[in-house]
C-alpha cells in the first residue's frame, strides 16, 4: 500500500515527519544540557577537592547518569543529521536500486533494534518505579529518575528511525547533512 493510498495527503505526512524532527531537536538540546551539567559537576569536584579538600560524593555517579542521558537524548538528532558513524563503501559501489534496498533494509533493522531497546529501557524504568528501587551509591537516588531519560532518548531515536524510513519511502534523503555541526572527515 503506498503512502498516497493511505488516505492522508502528503502534506500531513510531511508535517508528521517535521514534528519528529522537532522532537529530535529537543533531545539534542537536552543532550547538550547534560554535557554542560557533566562539565559543571566535574569542575566543581576538582575545585572542591583542591581548595577545600572535600569531595562532592555524588559528582561521579551523577556524571555517569548524565553521560548515558546525553548519548541517548542526542541519538535521534544525530540520526537525522547523518552524523553517526556509517560505512558507505558498499552503498557507493553498487547500483542505485541495490543501494536503496540496503538503505531501506538497514533502516528497518535499525527500527527493530531501537524498538526493542526502547521497550527494554521503558520496562526497566517502569519496574524501578514500581519497586521504588534506589541507587546502591551514597546518594540513594530513585533509579527510575536516572533511567527515564534513557528510555525517553531511546523512544526519540526509534521515532526518528521510523521517520527516516518514511522519508526513504517517499524518495527523500534519509538524513539532512545541513544539520551537521563541524566538518566531515574525508
C-alpha atoms as a PDB file:
ATOM      1  CA  UNK A   1       0.000   0.000   0.000  1.00  0.00           C
ATOM      2  CA  UNK A   2       1.506   3.325  -0.978  1.00  0.00           C
ATOM      3  CA  UNK A   3       1.551   6.414   1.143  1.00  0.00           C
ATOM      4  CA  UNK A   4      -0.911   8.124  -1.234  1.00  0.00           C
ATOM      5  CA  UNK A   5      -3.462   5.337  -0.863  1.00  0.00           C
ATOM      6  CA  UNK A   6      -3.403   5.583   2.913  1.00  0.00           C
ATOM      7  CA  UNK A   7      -5.978   8.393   2.629  1.00  0.00           C
ATOM      8  CA  UNK A   8      -3.710  11.134   4.007  1.00  0.00           C
ATOM      9  CA  UNK A   9      -2.388  13.925   1.856  1.00  0.00           C
ATOM     10  CA  UNK A  10       1.408  14.042   1.554  1.00  0.00           C
ATOM     11  CA  UNK A  11       1.421  17.353   3.447  1.00  0.00           C
ATOM     12  CA  UNK A  12       0.137  15.591   6.573  1.00  0.00           C
ATOM     13  CA  UNK A  13       2.964  13.061   6.337  1.00  0.00           C
ATOM     14  CA  UNK A  14       5.471  15.865   5.876  1.00  0.00           C
ATOM     15  CA  UNK A  15       4.113  17.641   8.946  1.00  0.00           C
ATOM     16  CA  UNK A  16       4.372  14.425  10.983  1.00  0.00           C
ATOM     17  CA  UNK A  17       7.981  13.960   9.886  1.00  0.00           C
ATOM     18  CA  UNK A  18       8.745  17.584  10.746  1.00  0.00           C
ATOM     19  CA  UNK A  19       7.198  17.093  14.197  1.00  0.00           C
ATOM     20  CA  UNK A  20       9.544  14.162  14.809  1.00  0.00           C
ATOM     21  CA  UNK A  21      12.440  16.351  13.716  1.00  0.00           C
ATOM     22  CA  UNK A  22      11.415  18.960  16.296  1.00  0.00           C
ATOM     23  CA  UNK A  23      11.324  16.266  18.996  1.00  0.00           C
ATOM     24  CA  UNK A  24      14.804  15.207  17.933  1.00  0.00           C
ATOM     25  CA  UNK A  25      15.997  18.797  18.204  1.00  0.00           C
ATOM     26  CA  UNK A  26      14.579  18.947  21.736  1.00  0.00           C
ATOM     27  CA  UNK A  27      16.517  15.788  22.539  1.00  0.00           C
ATOM     28  CA  UNK A  28      19.671  17.374  21.134  1.00  0.00           C
ATOM     29  CA  UNK A  29      19.231  20.394  23.406  1.00  0.00           C
ATOM     30  CA  UNK A  30      18.650  18.081  26.381  1.00  0.00           C
ATOM     31  CA  UNK A  31      21.811  16.208  25.418  1.00  0.00           C
ATOM     32  CA  UNK A  32      23.776  19.459  25.334  1.00  0.00           C
ATOM     33  CA  UNK A  33      22.386  20.395  28.763  1.00  0.00           C
ATOM     34  CA  UNK A  34      23.538  17.021  30.117  1.00  0.00           C
ATOM     35  CA  UNK A  35      27.052  17.592  28.778  1.00  0.00           C
ATOM     36  CA  UNK A  36      27.199  21.083  30.302  1.00  0.00           C
ATOM     37  CA  UNK A  37      25.966  19.600  33.602  1.00  0.00           C
ATOM     38  CA  UNK A  38      28.722  16.984  33.499  1.00  0.00           C
ATOM     39  CA  UNK A  39      31.262  19.750  32.969  1.00  0.00           C
ATOM     40  CA  UNK A  40      29.827  21.677  35.912  1.00  0.00           C
ATOM     41  CA  UNK A  41      29.914  18.645  38.208  1.00  0.00           C
ATOM     42  CA  UNK A  42      33.481  17.696  37.305  1.00  0.00           C
ATOM     43  CA  UNK A  43      34.779  21.270  37.631  1.00  0.00           C
ATOM     44  CA  UNK A  44      33.002  21.610  40.983  1.00  0.00           C
ATOM     45  CA  UNK A  45      34.541  18.315  42.134  1.00  0.00           C
ATOM     46  CA  UNK A  46      38.067  19.347  41.095  1.00  0.00           C
ATOM     47  CA  UNK A  47      37.744  22.796  42.720  1.00  0.00           C
ATOM     48  CA  UNK A  48      36.196  21.356  45.874  1.00  0.00           C
ATOM     49  CA  UNK A  49      38.928  18.745  46.243  1.00  0.00           C
ATOM     50  CA  UNK A  50      41.800  21.132  45.561  1.00  0.00           C
ATOM     51  CA  UNK A  51      40.605  24.164  47.507  1.00  0.00           C
ATOM     52  CA  UNK A  52      38.623  22.645  50.364  1.00  0.00           C
ATOM     53  CA  UNK A  53      39.849  19.030  50.446  1.00  0.00           C
ATOM     54  CA  UNK A  54      36.204  17.912  50.257  1.00  0.00           C
ATOM     55  CA  UNK A  55      34.738  15.579  47.669  1.00  0.00           C
ATOM     56  CA  UNK A  56      31.285  16.073  46.197  1.00  0.00           C
ATOM     57  CA  UNK A  57      30.222  12.481  46.769  1.00  0.00           C
ATOM     58  CA  UNK A  58      27.613  12.368  44.016  1.00  0.00           C
ATOM     59  CA  UNK A  59      29.627  14.057  41.245  1.00  0.00           C
ATOM     60  CA  UNK A  60      30.957  10.919  39.555  1.00  0.00           C
ATOM     61  CA  UNK A  61      27.723   8.965  39.964  1.00  0.00           C
ATOM     62  CA  UNK A  62      25.558  11.718  38.505  1.00  0.00           C
ATOM     63  CA  UNK A  63      28.101  12.357  35.735  1.00  0.00           C
ATOM     64  CA  UNK A  64      27.685   8.735  34.662  1.00  0.00           C
ATOM     65  CA  UNK A  65      23.900   9.077  34.617  1.00  0.00           C
ATOM     66  CA  UNK A  66      24.166  12.302  32.636  1.00  0.00           C
ATOM     67  CA  UNK A  67      26.553  10.687  30.127  1.00  0.00           C
ATOM     68  CA  UNK A  68      24.017   7.952  29.361  1.00  0.00           C
ATOM     69  CA  UNK A  69      21.262  10.537  29.038  1.00  0.00           C
ATOM     70  CA  UNK A  70      23.420  12.723  26.765  1.00  0.00           C
ATOM     71  CA  UNK A  71      24.153   9.769  24.499  1.00  0.00           C
ATOM     72  CA  UNK A  72      20.569   8.620  24.054  1.00  0.00           C
ATOM     73  CA  UNK A  73      18.902  12.050  24.078  1.00  0.00           C
ATOM     74  CA  UNK A  74      21.194  13.161  21.242  1.00  0.00           C
ATOM     75  CA  UNK A  75      20.971   9.953  19.189  1.00  0.00           C
ATOM     76  CA  UNK A  76      17.798  10.927  17.296  1.00  0.00           C
ATOM     77  CA  UNK A  77      19.260  14.245  16.139  1.00  0.00           C
ATOM     78  CA  UNK A  78      22.490  12.519  15.136  1.00  0.00           C
ATOM     79  CA  UNK A  79      20.476  10.051  13.035  1.00  0.00           C
ATOM     80  CA  UNK A  80      18.555  12.856  11.318  1.00  0.00           C
ATOM     81  CA  UNK A  81      21.757  14.775  10.607  1.00  0.00           C
ATOM     82  CA  UNK A  82      23.532  11.648   9.354  1.00  0.00           C
ATOM     83  CA  UNK A  83      26.235  12.299  11.936  1.00  0.00           C
ATOM     84  CA  UNK A  84      26.538   8.749  13.207  1.00  0.00           C
ATOM     85  CA  UNK A  85      29.391   6.538  12.131  1.00  0.00           C
ATOM     86  CA  UNK A  86      28.378   4.747   8.969  1.00  0.00           C
ATOM     87  CA  UNK A  87      30.394   2.929   6.356  1.00  0.00           C
ATOM     88  CA  UNK A  88      29.214   3.975   2.906  1.00  0.00           C
ATOM     89  CA  UNK A  89      31.698   1.877   0.932  1.00  0.00           C
ATOM     90  CA  UNK A  90      29.005  -0.632  -0.023  1.00  0.00           C
ATOM     91  CA  UNK A  91      26.325   1.951  -0.835  1.00  0.00           C
ATOM     92  CA  UNK A  92      28.682   3.969  -3.026  1.00  0.00           C
ATOM     93  CA  UNK A  93      29.840   0.986  -5.083  1.00  0.00           C
ATOM     94  CA  UNK A  94      26.589  -0.712  -6.056  1.00  0.00           C
ATOM     95  CA  UNK A  95      23.831   0.354  -8.473  1.00  0.00           C
ATOM     96  CA  UNK A  96      21.307   2.853  -7.059  1.00  0.00           C
ATOM     97  CA  UNK A  97      18.419   0.343  -6.733  1.00  0.00           C
ATOM     98  CA  UNK A  98      20.663  -2.026  -4.766  1.00  0.00           C
ATOM     99  CA  UNK A  99      21.910   0.826  -2.583  1.00  0.00           C
ATOM    100  CA  UNK A 100      18.299   1.874  -1.924  1.00  0.00           C
ATOM    101  CA  UNK A 101      17.413  -1.692  -0.923  1.00  0.00           C
ATOM    102  CA  UNK A 102      20.356  -1.867   1.507  1.00  0.00           C
ATOM    103  CA  UNK A 103      19.470   1.551   2.953  1.00  0.00           C
ATOM    104  CA  UNK A 104      15.830   0.530   3.467  1.00  0.00           C
ATOM    105  CA  UNK A 105      16.819  -2.871   4.872  1.00  0.00           C
ATOM    106  CA  UNK A 106      19.323  -1.388   7.336  1.00  0.00           C
ATOM    107  CA  UNK A 107      16.771   1.221   8.415  1.00  0.00           C
ATOM    108  CA  UNK A 108      14.142  -1.458   9.093  1.00  0.00           C
ATOM    109  CA  UNK A 109      16.719  -3.472  11.074  1.00  0.00           C
ATOM    110  CA  UNK A 110      17.611  -0.298  12.992  1.00  0.00           C
ATOM    111  CA  UNK A 111      13.947   0.294  13.813  1.00  0.00           C
ATOM    112  CA  UNK A 112      13.629  -3.249  15.163  1.00  0.00           C
ATOM    113  CA  UNK A 113      16.721  -2.875  17.355  1.00  0.00           C
ATOM    114  CA  UNK A 114      15.776   0.635  18.524  1.00  0.00           C
ATOM    115  CA  UNK A 115      12.224  -0.524  19.249  1.00  0.00           C
ATOM    116  CA  UNK A 116      13.498  -3.385  21.374  1.00  0.00           C
ATOM    117  CA  UNK A 117      15.889  -1.050  23.226  1.00  0.00           C
ATOM    118  CA  UNK A 118      13.032   1.375  23.869  1.00  0.00           C
ATOM    119  CA  UNK A 119      10.818  -1.414  25.180  1.00  0.00           C
ATOM    120  CA  UNK A 120      13.592  -2.822  27.407  1.00  0.00           C
ATOM    121  CA  UNK A 121      14.555   0.579  28.853  1.00  0.00           C
ATOM    122  CA  UNK A 122      10.912   1.528  29.325  1.00  0.00           C
ATOM    123  CA  UNK A 123      10.213  -1.722  31.158  1.00  0.00           C
ATOM    124  CA  UNK A 124      13.320  -1.314  33.322  1.00  0.00           C
ATOM    125  CA  UNK A 125      12.261   2.221  34.234  1.00  0.00           C
ATOM    126  CA  UNK A 126       8.694   1.105  34.941  1.00  0.00           C
ATOM    127  CA  UNK A 127       9.811  -1.739  37.226  1.00  0.00           C
ATOM    128  CA  UNK A 128      12.231   0.574  39.058  1.00  0.00           C
ATOM    129  CA  UNK A 129       9.350   2.965  39.648  1.00  0.00           C
ATOM    130  CA  UNK A 130       7.028   0.194  40.855  1.00  0.00           C
ATOM    131  CA  UNK A 131       9.651  -1.301  43.185  1.00  0.00           C
ATOM    132  CA  UNK A 132      10.981   2.083  44.309  1.00  0.00           C
ATOM    133  CA  UNK A 133      14.499   0.857  43.539  1.00  0.00           C
ATOM    134  CA  UNK A 134      17.310   3.091  44.728  1.00  0.00           C
ATOM    135  CA  UNK A 135      20.881   3.552  43.659  1.00  0.00           C
ATOM    136  CA  UNK A 136      23.366   1.466  45.666  1.00  0.00           C
ATOM    137  CA  UNK A 137      25.605   4.534  45.857  1.00  0.00           C
ATOM    138  CA  UNK A 138      25.637   7.012  48.700  1.00  0.00           C
ATOM    139  CA  UNK A 139      23.052   9.257  47.018  1.00  0.00           C
ATOM    140  CA  UNK A 140      20.406   6.510  47.058  1.00  0.00           C
ATOM    141  CA  UNK A 141      18.521   8.341  44.310  1.00  0.00           C
ATOM    142  CA  UNK A 142      15.422   6.598  42.977  1.00  0.00           C
ATOM    143  CA  UNK A 143      16.613   4.664  39.932  1.00  0.00           C
ATOM    144  CA  UNK A 144      13.632   5.481  37.728  1.00  0.00           C
ATOM    145  CA  UNK A 145      14.643   9.145  37.819  1.00  0.00           C
ATOM    146  CA  UNK A 146      18.013   8.336  36.276  1.00  0.00           C
ATOM    147  CA  UNK A 147      16.592   5.695  33.910  1.00  0.00           C
ATOM    148  CA  UNK A 148      13.741   7.781  32.491  1.00  0.00           C
ATOM    149  CA  UNK A 149      15.966   9.972  30.246  1.00  0.00           C
ATOM    150  CA  UNK A 150      17.480   6.799  28.783  1.00  0.00           C
ATOM    151  CA  UNK A 151      14.052   5.406  27.895  1.00  0.00           C
ATOM    152  CA  UNK A 152      12.907   8.766  26.526  1.00  0.00           C
ATOM    153  CA  UNK A 153      16.049   9.172  24.425  1.00  0.00           C
ATOM    154  CA  UNK A 154      15.625   5.671  23.063  1.00  0.00           C
ATOM    155  CA  UNK A 155      11.998   6.451  22.172  1.00  0.00           C
ATOM    156  CA  UNK A 156      13.086   9.611  20.338  1.00  0.00           C
ATOM    157  CA  UNK A 157      15.680   7.580  18.437  1.00  0.00           C
ATOM    158  CA  UNK A 158      13.079   4.955  17.486  1.00  0.00           C
ATOM    159  CA  UNK A 159      10.669   7.641  16.270  1.00  0.00           C
ATOM    160  CA  UNK A 160      13.428   9.270  14.222  1.00  0.00           C
ATOM    161  CA  UNK A 161      14.356   5.906  12.686  1.00  0.00           C
ATOM    162  CA  UNK A 162      10.702   5.451  11.669  1.00  0.00           C
ATOM    163  CA  UNK A 163      10.724   8.972  10.217  1.00  0.00           C
ATOM    164  CA  UNK A 164      13.884   8.070   8.303  1.00  0.00           C
ATOM    165  CA  UNK A 165      12.095   5.075   6.810  1.00  0.00           C
ATOM    166  CA  UNK A 166       9.161   7.317   5.862  1.00  0.00           C
ATOM    167  CA  UNK A 167      11.498   9.728   4.109  1.00  0.00           C
ATOM    168  CA  UNK A 168      13.255   6.924   2.237  1.00  0.00           C
ATOM    169  CA  UNK A 169       9.907   5.502   1.107  1.00  0.00           C
ATOM    170  CA  UNK A 170       8.902   8.967  -0.130  1.00  0.00           C
ATOM    171  CA  UNK A 171      12.112   9.132  -2.180  1.00  0.00           C
ATOM    172  CA  UNK A 172      13.687  11.760   0.076  1.00  0.00           C
ATOM    173  CA  UNK A 173      17.152  11.504   1.611  1.00  0.00           C
ATOM    174  CA  UNK A 174      17.165   9.765   4.989  1.00  0.00           C
ATOM    175  CA  UNK A 175      19.418  12.340   6.588  1.00  0.00           C
ATOM    176  CA  UNK A 176      19.997  16.059   6.316  1.00  0.00           C
ATOM    177  CA  UNK A 177      23.706  16.920   6.125  1.00  0.00           C
ATOM    178  CA  UNK A 178      22.905  20.625   6.611  1.00  0.00           C
ATOM    179  CA  UNK A 179      22.148  19.834  10.277  1.00  0.00           C
ATOM    180  CA  UNK A 180      25.693  18.639  10.958  1.00  0.00           C
ATOM    181  CA  UNK A 181      27.934  20.722  13.131  1.00  0.00           C
ATOM    182  CA  UNK A 182      31.539  20.899  12.023  1.00  0.00           C
ATOM    183  CA  UNK A 183      33.100  19.118   9.119  1.00  0.00           C
ATOM    184  CA  UNK A 184      33.113  15.532   7.954  1.00  0.00           C
ATOM    185  CA  UNK A 185      36.456  13.815   7.788  1.00  0.00           C
ATOM    186  CA  UNK A 186      37.033  12.676   4.230  1.00  0.00           C
END
